[in-house]
Amino acid sequence: MSHHQHKLKLINRLRELGGRLEEIEGALEAEHSKDWEEMAVEREGDEVLEALGESGQAEIARIRAALGRIADGTYGVCVKCGDDIAAARLDAVPDAPLCAECAGGADG
């Protein structure tokens, strides 16, 4: 897969995440039930939605960083060691900033 194909894949995922985050935001802003038990269940659901929103925002940040690397010509180069990131890794994880070796030894 070429860098152009990776870019298109990243942009499509960014659009998908944007739509999903709008849905989550709408659900979180929806009026809740007055019943205490229903409110407790709704609050648990809100916590799940908030976690999904945070996860989506983190993925958006990774995608934007990858698009930045494409723009500046450093896409496909490990940001930690400077080695090339394997094409198969980029095909599987187009927003990967690290080669497999650095990602395997990453501290988190």
PDB file of N, CA and C in Angstrom:
ATOM      1  N   MET A   1       0.857  -1.178   0.000  1.00  0.00           N
ATOM      2  CA  MET A   1       0.000   0.000   0.000  1.00  0.00           C
ATOM      3  C   MET A   1       0.904   1.243   0.000  1.00  0.00           C
ATOM      4  N   SER A   2       0.588   2.215  -0.830  1.00  0.00           N
ATOM      5  CA  SER A   2       1.401   3.427  -0.932  1.00  0.00           C
ATOM      6  C   SER A   2       1.052   4.421   0.180  1.00  0.00           C
ATOM      7  N   HIS A   3       1.921   5.424   0.336  1.00  0.00           N
ATOM      8  CA  HIS A   3       1.644   6.472   1.324  1.00  0.00           C
ATOM      9  C   HIS A   3       0.321   7.169   1.001  1.00  0.00           C
ATOM     10  N   HIS A   4       0.032   7.342  -0.296  1.00  0.00           N
ATOM     11  CA  HIS A   4      -1.229   7.965  -0.700  1.00  0.00           C
ATOM     12  C   HIS A   4      -2.411   7.116  -0.231  1.00  0.00           C
ATOM     13  N   GLN A   5      -2.309   5.801  -0.390  1.00  0.00           N
ATOM     14  CA  GLN A   5      -3.389   4.911   0.053  1.00  0.00           C
ATOM     15  C   GLN A   5      -3.536   4.947   1.576  1.00  0.00           C
ATOM     16  N   HIS A   6      -2.395   5.005   2.285  1.00  0.00           N
ATOM     17  CA  HIS A   6      -2.440   5.130   3.742  1.00  0.00           C
ATOM     18  C   HIS A   6      -3.116   6.436   4.132  1.00  0.00           C
ATOM     19  N   LYS A   7      -2.780   7.509   3.407  1.00  0.00           N
ATOM     20  CA  LYS A   7      -3.374   8.816   3.710  1.00  0.00           C
ATOM     21  C   LYS A   7      -4.890   8.766   3.546  1.00  0.00           C
ATOM     22  N   LEU A   8      -5.355   8.157   2.463  1.00  0.00           N
ATOM     23  CA  LEU A   8      -6.803   8.049   2.241  1.00  0.00           C
ATOM     24  C   LEU A   8      -7.459   7.225   3.341  1.00  0.00           C
ATOM     25  N   LYS A   9      -6.804   6.149   3.740  1.00  0.00           N
ATOM     26  CA  LYS A   9      -7.337   5.300   4.810  1.00  0.00           C
ATOM     27  C   LYS A   9      -7.419   6.085   6.118  1.00  0.00           C
ATOM     28  N   LEU A  10      -6.381   6.860   6.419  1.00  0.00           N
ATOM     29  CA  LEU A  10      -6.363   7.673   7.634  1.00  0.00           C
ATOM     30  C   LEU A  10      -7.456   8.749   7.604  1.00  0.00           C
ATOM     31  N   ILE A  11      -7.616   9.404   6.461  1.00  0.00           N
ATOM     32  CA  ILE A  11      -8.633  10.453   6.345  1.00  0.00           C
ATOM     33  C   ILE A  11     -10.029   9.864   6.501  1.00  0.00           C
ATOM     34  N   ASN A  12     -10.270   8.712   5.886  1.00  0.00           N
ATOM     35  CA  ASN A  12     -11.578   8.065   6.029  1.00  0.00           C
ATOM     36  C   ASN A  12     -11.852   7.682   7.476  1.00  0.00           C
ATOM     37  N   ARG A  13     -10.837   7.186   8.166  1.00  0.00           N
ATOM     38  CA  ARG A  13     -11.009   6.816   9.575  1.00  0.00           C
ATOM     39  C   ARG A  13     -11.269   8.062  10.419  1.00  0.00           C
ATOM     40  N   LEU A  14     -10.595   9.149  10.101  1.00  0.00           N
ATOM     41  CA  LEU A  14     -10.794  10.408  10.816  1.00  0.00           C
ATOM     42  C   LEU A  14     -12.241  10.882  10.663  1.00  0.00           C
ATOM     43  N   ARG A  15     -12.772  10.800   9.463  1.00  0.00           N
ATOM     44  CA  ARG A  15     -14.176  11.180   9.228  1.00  0.00           C
ATOM     45  C   ARG A  15     -15.120  10.280  10.022  1.00  0.00           C
ATOM     46  N   GLU A  16     -14.841   8.979  10.004  1.00  0.00           N
ATOM     47  CA  GLU A  16     -15.678   8.027  10.735  1.00  0.00           C
ATOM     48  C   GLU A  16     -15.669   8.332  12.232  1.00  0.00           C
ATOM     49  N   LEU A  17     -14.487   8.593  12.772  1.00  0.00           N
ATOM     50  CA  LEU A  17     -14.372   8.910  14.197  1.00  0.00           C
ATOM     51  C   LEU A  17     -15.081  10.216  14.533  1.00  0.00           C
ATOM     52  N   GLY A  18     -14.981  11.196  13.651  1.00  0.00           N
ATOM     53  CA  GLY A  18     -15.649  12.469  13.885  1.00  0.00           C
ATOM     54  C   GLY A  18     -17.150  12.293  14.007  1.00  0.00           C
ATOM     55  N   GLY A  19     -17.729  11.502  13.117  1.00  0.00           N
ATOM     56  CA  GLY A  19     -19.157  11.220  13.179  1.00  0.00           C
ATOM     57  C   GLY A  19     -19.528  10.467  14.436  1.00  0.00           C
ATOM     58  N   ARG A  20     -18.704   9.498  14.806  1.00  0.00           N
ATOM     59  CA  ARG A  20     -18.981   8.714  16.004  1.00  0.00           C
ATOM     60  C   ARG A  20     -18.903   9.580  17.256  1.00  0.00           C
ATOM     61  N   LEU A  21     -17.924  10.471  17.309  1.00  0.00           N
ATOM     62  CA  LEU A  21     -17.795  11.346  18.479  1.00  0.00           C
ATOM     63  C   LEU A  21     -18.973  12.309  18.580  1.00  0.00           C
ATOM     64  N   GLU A  22     -19.493  12.760  17.446  1.00  0.00           N
ATOM     65  CA  GLU A  22     -20.690  13.620  17.469  1.00  0.00           C
ATOM     66  C   GLU A  22     -21.871  12.867  18.051  1.00  0.00           C
ATOM     67  N   GLU A  23     -22.018  11.586  17.671  1.00  0.00           N
ATOM     68  CA  GLU A  23     -23.104  10.764  18.213  1.00  0.00           C
ATOM     69  C   GLU A  23     -22.954  10.593  19.722  1.00  0.00           C
ATOM     70  N   ILE A  24     -21.733  10.351  20.177  1.00  0.00           N
ATOM     71  CA  ILE A  24     -21.472  10.170  21.608  1.00  0.00           C
ATOM     72  C   ILE A  24     -21.798  11.454  22.354  1.00  0.00           C
ATOM     73  N   GLU A  25     -21.358  12.582  21.807  1.00  0.00           N
ATOM     74  CA  GLU A  25     -21.630  13.876  22.424  1.00  0.00           C
ATOM     75  C   GLU A  25     -23.133  14.122  22.542  1.00  0.00           C
ATOM     76  N   GLY A  26     -23.863  13.783  21.481  1.00  0.00           N
ATOM     77  CA  GLY A  26     -25.315  13.953  21.499  1.00  0.00           C
ATOM     78  C   GLY A  26     -25.969  13.082  22.559  1.00  0.00           C
ATOM     79  N   ALA A  27     -25.504  11.854  22.685  1.00  0.00           N
ATOM     80  CA  ALA A  27     -26.065  10.946  23.689  1.00  0.00           C
ATOM     81  C   ALA A  27     -25.766  11.442  25.103  1.00  0.00           C
ATOM     82  N   LEU A  28     -24.576  11.990  25.308  1.00  0.00           N
ATOM     83  CA  LEU A  28     -24.213  12.494  26.637  1.00  0.00           C
ATOM     84  C   LEU A  28     -25.019  13.745  27.006  1.00  0.00           C
ATOM     85  N   GLU A  29     -25.413  14.525  26.008  1.00  0.00           N
ATOM     86  CA  GLU A  29     -26.164  15.743  26.267  1.00  0.00           C
ATOM     87  C   GLU A  29     -27.668  15.496  26.369  1.00  0.00           C
ATOM     88  N   ALA A  30     -28.107  14.282  26.043  1.00  0.00           N
ATOM     89  CA  ALA A  30     -29.546  13.966  26.082  1.00  0.00           C
ATOM     90  C   ALA A  30     -30.062  14.049  27.510  1.00  0.00           C
ATOM     91  N   GLU A  31     -31.317  14.446  27.628  1.00  0.00           N
ATOM     92  CA  GLU A  31     -31.949  14.561  28.939  1.00  0.00           C
ATOM     93  C   GLU A  31     -32.119  13.179  29.554  1.00  0.00           C
ATOM     94  N   HIS A  32     -31.849  13.091  30.852  1.00  0.00           N
ATOM     95  CA  HIS A  32     -31.940  11.814  31.554  1.00  0.00           C
ATOM     96  C   HIS A  32     -33.262  11.661  32.288  1.00  0.00           C
ATOM     97  N   SER A  33     -33.540  10.418  32.628  1.00  0.00           N
ATOM     98  CA  SER A  33     -34.762  10.046  33.335  1.00  0.00           C
ATOM     99  C   SER A  33     -34.768  10.625  34.744  1.00  0.00           C
ATOM    100  N   LYS A  34     -35.950  10.813  35.269  1.00  0.00           N
ATOM    101  CA  LYS A  34     -36.098  11.300  36.642  1.00  0.00           C
ATOM    102  C   LYS A  34     -36.049  10.145  37.653  1.00  0.00           C
ATOM    103  N   ASP A  35     -36.279   8.919  37.194  1.00  0.00           N
ATOM    104  CA  ASP A  35     -36.280   7.751  38.052  1.00  0.00           C
ATOM    105  C   ASP A  35     -34.853   7.442  38.507  1.00  0.00           C
ATOM    106  N   TRP A  36     -34.633   7.257  39.796  1.00  0.00           N
ATOM    107  CA  TRP A  36     -33.295   7.065  40.358  1.00  0.00           C
ATOM    108  C   TRP A  36     -32.590   5.854  39.775  1.00  0.00           C
ATOM    109  N   GLU A  37     -33.284   4.718  39.691  1.00  0.00           N
ATOM    110  CA  GLU A  37     -32.660   3.502  39.156  1.00  0.00           C
ATOM    111  C   GLU A  37     -32.291   3.677  37.687  1.00  0.00           C
ATOM    112  N   GLU A  38     -33.183   4.279  36.930  1.00  0.00           N
ATOM    113  CA  GLU A  38     -32.887   4.524  35.519  1.00  0.00           C
ATOM    114  C   GLU A  38     -31.729   5.504  35.383  1.00  0.00           C
ATOM    115  N   MET A  39     -31.695   6.499  36.258  1.00  0.00           N
ATOM    116  CA  MET A  39     -30.592   7.465  36.214  1.00  0.00           C
ATOM    117  C   MET A  39     -29.264   6.783  36.500  1.00  0.00           C
ATOM    118  N   ALA A  40     -29.246   5.826  37.436  1.00  0.00           N
ATOM    119  CA  ALA A  40     -28.010   5.109  37.758  1.00  0.00           C
ATOM    120  C   ALA A  40     -27.522   4.322  36.546  1.00  0.00           C
ATOM    121  N   VAL A  41     -28.428   3.653  35.872  1.00  0.00           N
ATOM    122  CA  VAL A  41     -28.065   2.885  34.669  1.00  0.00           C
ATOM    123  C   VAL A  41     -27.596   3.836  33.567  1.00  0.00           C
ATOM    124  N   GLU A  42     -28.297   4.959  33.403  1.00  0.00           N
ATOM    125  CA  GLU A  42     -27.910   5.937  32.389  1.00  0.00           C
ATOM    126  C   GLU A  42     -26.524   6.505  32.688  1.00  0.00           C
ATOM    127  N   ARG A  43     -26.231   6.735  33.959  1.00  0.00           N
ATOM    128  CA  ARG A  43     -24.910   7.273  34.330  1.00  0.00           C
ATOM    129  C   ARG A  43     -23.803   6.282  34.008  1.00  0.00           C
ATOM    130  N   GLU A  44     -24.070   4.988  34.254  1.00  0.00           N
ATOM    131  CA  GLU A  44     -23.085   3.973  33.877  1.00  0.00           C
ATOM    132  C   GLU A  44     -22.851   3.998  32.375  1.00  0.00           C
ATOM    133  N   GLY A  45     -23.941   4.151  31.626  1.00  0.00           N
ATOM    134  CA  GLY A  45     -23.822   4.255  30.176  1.00  0.00           C
ATOM    135  C   GLY A  45     -23.038   5.483  29.759  1.00  0.00           C
ATOM    136  N   ASP A  46     -23.258   6.592  30.466  1.00  0.00           N
ATOM    137  CA  ASP A  46     -22.503   7.820  30.183  1.00  0.00           C
ATOM    138  C   ASP A  46     -21.012   7.611  30.398  1.00  0.00           C
ATOM    139  N   GLU A  47     -20.657   6.872  31.455  1.00  0.00           N
ATOM    140  CA  GLU A  47     -19.237   6.615  31.725  1.00  0.00           C
ATOM    141  C   GLU A  47     -18.610   5.807  30.594  1.00  0.00           C
ATOM    142  N   VAL A  48     -19.348   4.842  30.073  1.00  0.00           N
ATOM    143  CA  VAL A  48     -18.862   4.056  28.931  1.00  0.00           C
ATOM    144  C   VAL A  48     -18.703   4.962  27.712  1.00  0.00           C
ATOM    145  N   LEU A  49     -19.702   5.806  27.467  1.00  0.00           N
ATOM    146  CA  LEU A  49     -19.634   6.731  26.332  1.00  0.00           C
ATOM    147  C   LEU A  49     -18.456   7.697  26.475  1.00  0.00           C
ATOM    148  N   GLU A  50     -18.228   8.185  27.682  1.00  0.00           N
ATOM    149  CA  GLU A  50     -17.101   9.097  27.911  1.00  0.00           C
ATOM    150  C   GLU A  50     -15.780   8.399  27.625  1.00  0.00           C
ATOM    151  N   ALA A  51     -15.653   7.132  28.052  1.00  0.00           N
ATOM    152  CA  ALA A  51     -14.428   6.375  27.788  1.00  0.00           C
ATOM    153  C   ALA A  51     -14.244   6.165  26.287  1.00  0.00           C
ATOM    154  N   LEU A  52     -15.333   5.855  25.584  1.00  0.00           N
ATOM    155  CA  LEU A  52     -15.256   5.701  24.129  1.00  0.00           C
ATOM    156  C   LEU A  52     -14.856   7.014  23.468  1.00  0.00           C
ATOM    157  N   GLY A  53     -15.391   8.118  23.975  1.00  0.00           N
ATOM    158  CA  GLY A  53     -15.045   9.428  23.432  1.00  0.00           C
ATOM    159  C   GLY A  53     -13.575   9.746  23.624  1.00  0.00           C
ATOM    160  N   GLU A  54     -13.056   9.451  24.812  1.00  0.00           N
ATOM    161  CA  GLU A  54     -11.636   9.692  25.078  1.00  0.00           C
ATOM    162  C   GLU A  54     -10.760   8.825  24.192  1.00  0.00           C
ATOM    163  N   SER A  55     -11.154   7.563  24.013  1.00  0.00           N
ATOM    164  CA  SER A  55     -10.408   6.657  23.145  1.00  0.00           C
ATOM    165  C   SER A  55     -10.428   7.171  21.705  1.00  0.00           C
ATOM    166  N   GLY A  56     -11.590   7.637  21.259  1.00  0.00           N
ATOM    167  CA  GLY A  56     -11.709   8.184  19.910  1.00  0.00           C
ATOM    168  C   GLY A  56     -10.858   9.427  19.718  1.00  0.00           C
ATOM    169  N   GLN A  57     -10.830  10.286  20.733  1.00  0.00           N
ATOM    170  CA  GLN A  57     -10.013  11.497  20.645  1.00  0.00           C
ATOM    171  C   GLN A  57      -8.525  11.154  20.590  1.00  0.00           C
ATOM    172  N   ALA A  58      -8.115  10.123  21.325  1.00  0.00           N
ATOM    173  CA  ALA A  58      -6.716   9.693  21.292  1.00  0.00           C
ATOM    174  C   ALA A  58      -6.364   9.158  19.905  1.00  0.00           C
ATOM    175  N   GLU A  59      -7.293   8.386  19.313  1.00  0.00           N
ATOM    176  CA  GLU A  59      -7.041   7.870  17.964  1.00  0.00           C
ATOM    177  C   GLU A  59      -6.978   9.007  16.951  1.00  0.00           C
ATOM    178  N   ILE A  60      -7.839   9.999  17.101  1.00  0.00           N
ATOM    179  CA  ILE A  60      -7.805  11.161  16.211  1.00  0.00           C
ATOM    180  C   ILE A  60      -6.445  11.861  16.309  1.00  0.00           C
ATOM    181  N   ALA A  61      -5.924  11.995  17.508  1.00  0.00           N
ATOM    182  CA  ALA A  61      -4.611  12.632  17.688  1.00  0.00           C
ATOM    183  C   ALA A  61      -3.524  11.819  16.977  1.00  0.00           C
ATOM    184  N   ARG A  62      -3.593  10.481  17.082  1.00  0.00           N
ATOM    185  CA  ARG A  62      -2.597   9.632  16.411  1.00  0.00           C
ATOM    186  C   ARG A  62      -2.710   9.762  14.892  1.00  0.00           C
ATOM    187  N   ILE A  63      -3.945   9.826  14.394  1.00  0.00           N
ATOM    188  CA  ILE A  63      -4.151   9.958  12.948  1.00  0.00           C
ATOM    189  C   ILE A  63      -3.643  11.306  12.457  1.00  0.00           C
ATOM    190  N   ARG A  64      -3.953  12.365  13.182  1.00  0.00           N
ATOM    191  CA  ARG A  64      -3.464  13.701  12.780  1.00  0.00           C
ATOM    192  C   ARG A  64      -1.935  13.753  12.785  1.00  0.00           C
ATOM    193  N   ALA A  65      -1.323  13.096  13.761  1.00  0.00           N
ATOM    194  CA  ALA A  65       0.141  13.048  13.811  1.00  0.00           C
ATOM    195  C   ALA A  65       0.687  12.300  12.588  1.00  0.00           C
ATOM    196  N   ALA A  66       0.041  11.194  12.221  1.00  0.00           N
ATOM    197  CA  ALA A  66       0.473  10.435  11.045  1.00  0.00           C
ATOM    198  C   ALA A  66       0.307  11.260   9.771  1.00  0.00           C
ATOM    199  N   LEU A  67      -0.810  11.983   9.658  1.00  0.00           N
ATOM    200  CA  LEU A  67      -1.010  12.855   8.494  1.00  0.00           C
ATOM    201  C   LEU A  67       0.051  13.954   8.462  1.00  0.00           C
ATOM    202  N   GLY A  68       0.445  14.434   9.621  1.00  0.00           N
ATOM    203  CA  GLY A  68       1.529  15.415   9.690  1.00  0.00           C
ATOM    204  C   GLY A  68       2.845  14.837   9.205  1.00  0.00           C
ATOM    205  N   ARG A  69       3.108  13.582   9.564  1.00  0.00           N
ATOM    206  CA  ARG A  69       4.341  12.927   9.098  1.00  0.00           C
ATOM    207  C   ARG A  69       4.306  12.713   7.585  1.00  0.00           C
ATOM    208  N   ILE A  70       3.110  12.414   7.049  1.00  0.00           N
ATOM    209  CA  ILE A  70       2.994  12.279   5.593  1.00  0.00           C
ATOM    210  C   ILE A  70       3.311  13.629   4.950  1.00  0.00           C
ATOM    211  N   ALA A  71       2.754  14.698   5.507  1.00  0.00           N
ATOM    212  CA  ALA A  71       2.951  16.043   4.945  1.00  0.00           C
ATOM    213  C   ALA A  71       4.413  16.481   4.994  1.00  0.00           C
ATOM    214  N   ASP A  72       5.110  16.122   6.082  1.00  0.00           N
ATOM    215  CA  ASP A  72       6.499  16.590   6.186  1.00  0.00           C
ATOM    216  C   ASP A  72       7.530  15.581   5.679  1.00  0.00           C
ATOM    217  N   GLY A  73       7.035  14.461   5.125  1.00  0.00           N
ATOM    218  CA  GLY A  73       7.947  13.496   4.507  1.00  0.00           C
ATOM    219  C   GLY A  73       8.594  12.520   5.459  1.00  0.00           C
ATOM    220  N   THR A  74       8.139  12.450   6.693  1.00  0.00           N
ATOM    221  CA  THR A  74       8.753  11.517   7.645  1.00  0.00           C
ATOM    222  C   THR A  74       7.873  10.298   7.919  1.00  0.00           C
ATOM    223  N   TYR A  75       6.772  10.167   7.184  1.00  0.00           N
ATOM    224  CA  TYR A  75       5.881   9.019   7.371  1.00  0.00           C
ATOM    225  C   TYR A  75       6.627   7.734   7.015  1.00  0.00           C
ATOM    226  N   GLY A  76       6.451   6.725   7.839  1.00  0.00           N
ATOM    227  CA  GLY A  76       7.109   5.443   7.596  1.00  0.00           C
ATOM    228  C   GLY A  76       8.466   5.340   8.243  1.00  0.00           C
ATOM    229  N   VAL A  77       8.853   6.388   8.976  1.00  0.00           N
ATOM    230  CA  VAL A  77      10.126   6.399   9.698  1.00  0.00           C
ATOM    231  C   VAL A  77       9.812   6.414  11.190  1.00  0.00           C
ATOM    232  N   CYS A  78      10.406   5.507  11.932  1.00  0.00           N
ATOM    233  CA  CYS A  78      10.169   5.414  13.376  1.00  0.00           C
ATOM    234  C   CYS A  78      10.577   6.709  14.063  1.00  0.00           C
ATOM    235  N   VAL A  79       9.662   7.279  14.857  1.00  0.00           N
ATOM    236  CA  VAL A  79       9.955   8.535  15.539  1.00  0.00           C
ATOM    237  C   VAL A  79      10.929   8.344  16.699  1.00  0.00           C
ATOM    238  N   LYS A  80      11.159   7.095  17.092  1.00  0.00           N
ATOM    239  CA  LYS A  80      12.067   6.829  18.213  1.00  0.00           C
ATOM    240  C   LYS A  80      13.492   6.542  17.738  1.00  0.00           C
ATOM    241  N   CYS A  81      13.633   5.593  16.792  1.00  0.00           N
ATOM    242  CA  CYS A  81      14.986   5.179  16.400  1.00  0.00           C
ATOM    243  C   CYS A  81      15.394   5.648  15.010  1.00  0.00           C
ATOM    244  N   GLY A  82      14.428   6.106  14.205  1.00  0.00           N
ATOM    245  CA  GLY A  82      14.741   6.592  12.868  1.00  0.00           C
ATOM    246  C   GLY A  82      14.799   5.521  11.802  1.00  0.00           C
ATOM    247  N   ASP A  83      14.596   4.253  12.154  1.00  0.00           N
ATOM    248  CA  ASP A  83      14.562   3.182  11.159  1.00  0.00           C
ATOM    249  C   ASP A  83      13.237   3.224  10.406  1.00  0.00           C
ATOM    250  N   ASP A  84      13.220   2.583   9.251  1.00  0.00           N
ATOM    251  CA  ASP A  84      11.977   2.483   8.488  1.00  0.00           C
ATOM    252  C   ASP A  84      10.993   1.577   9.216  1.00  0.00           C
ATOM    253  N   ILE A  85       9.723   1.945   9.148  1.00  0.00           N
ATOM    254  CA  ILE A  85       8.652   1.103   9.674  1.00  0.00           C
ATOM    255  C   ILE A  85       8.252   0.166   8.541  1.00  0.00           C
ATOM    256  N   ALA A  86       8.160  -1.125   8.833  1.00  0.00           N
ATOM    257  CA  ALA A  86       7.834  -2.120   7.812  1.00  0.00           C
ATOM    258  C   ALA A  86       6.508  -1.803   7.141  1.00  0.00           C
ATOM    259  N   ALA A  87       6.469  -2.016   5.827  1.00  0.00           N
ATOM    260  CA  ALA A  87       5.253  -1.740   5.055  1.00  0.00           C
ATOM    261  C   ALA A  87       4.071  -2.538   5.599  1.00  0.00           C
ATOM    262  N   ALA A  88       4.301  -3.784   5.996  1.00  0.00           N
ATOM    263  CA  ALA A  88       3.211  -4.613   6.536  1.00  0.00           C
ATOM    264  C   ALA A  88       2.656  -4.001   7.816  1.00  0.00           C
ATOM    265  N   ARG A  89       3.522  -3.399   8.631  1.00  0.00           N
ATOM    266  CA  ARG A  89       3.061  -2.754   9.870  1.00  0.00           C
ATOM    267  C   ARG A  89       2.207  -1.533   9.535  1.00  0.00           C
ATOM    268  N   LEU A  90       2.645  -0.732   8.575  1.00  0.00           N
ATOM    269  CA  LEU A  90       1.875   0.447   8.174  1.00  0.00           C
ATOM    270  C   LEU A  90       0.550   0.053   7.522  1.00  0.00           C
ATOM    271  N   ASP A  91       0.551  -1.073   6.788  1.00  0.00           N
ATOM    272  CA  ASP A  91      -0.700  -1.554   6.199  1.00  0.00           C
ATOM    273  C   ASP A  91      -1.692  -1.924   7.300  1.00  0.00           C
ATOM    274  N   ALA A  92      -1.192  -2.531   8.374  1.00  0.00           N
ATOM    275  CA  ALA A  92      -2.056  -2.958   9.480  1.00  0.00           C
ATOM    276  C   ALA A  92      -2.424  -1.800  10.395  1.00  0.00           C
ATOM    277  N   VAL A  93      -1.446  -0.918  10.657  1.00  0.00           N
ATOM    278  CA  VAL A  93      -1.634   0.201  11.589  1.00  0.00           C
ATOM    279  C   VAL A  93      -1.092   1.461  10.910  1.00  0.00           C
ATOM    280  N   PRO A  94      -1.891   2.080  10.029  1.00  0.00           N
ATOM    281  CA  PRO A  94      -1.384   3.221   9.251  1.00  0.00           C
ATOM    282  C   PRO A  94      -0.928   4.410  10.084  1.00  0.00           C
ATOM    283  N   ASP A  95      -1.388   4.520  11.345  1.00  0.00           N
ATOM    284  CA  ASP A  95      -0.965   5.647  12.177  1.00  0.00           C
ATOM    285  C   ASP A  95       0.220   5.294  13.082  1.00  0.00           C
ATOM    286  N   ALA A  96       0.856   4.144  12.822  1.00  0.00           N
ATOM    287  CA  ALA A  96       1.968   3.697  13.664  1.00  0.00           C
ATOM    288  C   ALA A  96       3.133   4.690  13.604  1.00  0.00           C
ATOM    289  N   PRO A  97       3.555   5.221  14.774  1.00  0.00           N
ATOM    290  CA  PRO A  97       4.695   6.130  14.788  1.00  0.00           C
ATOM    291  C   PRO A  97       6.018   5.397  15.039  1.00  0.00           C
ATOM    292  N   LEU A  98       5.912   4.135  15.466  1.00  0.00           N
ATOM    293  CA  LEU A  98       7.092   3.369  15.852  1.00  0.00           C
ATOM    294  C   LEU A  98       7.247   2.112  15.015  1.00  0.00           C
ATOM    295  N   CYS A  99       8.499   1.700  14.795  1.00  0.00           N
ATOM    296  CA  CYS A  99       8.749   0.406  14.157  1.00  0.00           C
ATOM    297  C   CYS A  99       8.325  -0.686  15.148  1.00  0.00           C
ATOM    298  N   ALA A 100       8.225  -1.900  14.691  1.00  0.00           N
ATOM    299  CA  ALA A 100       7.766  -3.003  15.544  1.00  0.00           C
ATOM    300  C   ALA A 100       8.705  -3.205  16.727  1.00  0.00           C
ATOM    301  N   GLU A 101       9.998  -3.052  16.505  1.00  0.00           N
ATOM    302  CA  GLU A 101      10.958  -3.257  17.592  1.00  0.00           C
ATOM    303  C   GLU A 101      10.778  -2.212  18.699  1.00  0.00           C
ATOM    304  N   CYS A 102      10.672  -0.954  18.316  1.00  0.00           N
ATOM    305  CA  CYS A 102      10.482   0.099  19.326  1.00  0.00           C
ATOM    306  C   CYS A 102       9.106  -0.012  20.000  1.00  0.00           C
ATOM    307  N   ALA A 103       8.093  -0.381  19.226  1.00  0.00           N
ATOM    308  CA  ALA A 103       6.750  -0.531  19.804  1.00  0.00           C
ATOM    309  C   ALA A 103       6.717  -1.686  20.799  1.00  0.00           C
ATOM    310  N   GLY A 104       7.456  -2.743  20.514  1.00  0.00           N
ATOM    311  CA  GLY A 104       7.509  -3.894  21.420  1.00  0.00           C
ATOM    312  C   GLY A 104       8.210  -3.583  22.717  1.00  0.00           C
ATOM    313  N   GLY A 105       9.159  -2.658  22.681  1.00  0.00           N
ATOM    314  CA  GLY A 105       9.910  -2.304  23.872  1.00  0.00           C
ATOM    315  C   GLY A 105       9.452  -1.005  24.490  1.00  0.00           C
ATOM    316  N   ALA A 106       8.333  -0.461  23.957  1.00  0.00           N
ATOM    317  CA  ALA A 106       7.836   0.835  24.457  1.00  0.00           C
ATOM    318  C   ALA A 106       7.409   0.714  25.907  1.00  0.00           C
ATOM    319  N   ASP A 107       7.647   1.776  26.647  1.00  0.00           N
ATOM    320  CA  ASP A 107       7.277   1.804  28.069  1.00  0.00           C
ATOM    321  C   ASP A 107       5.825   2.167  28.282  1.00  0.00           C
ATOM    322  N   GLY A 108       5.060   2.339  27.247  1.00  0.00           N
ATOM    323  CA  GLY A 108       3.649   2.617  27.445  1.00  0.00           C
ATOM    324  C   GLY A 108       3.103   3.730  26.705  1.00  0.00           C
TER     325      GLY A 108
END
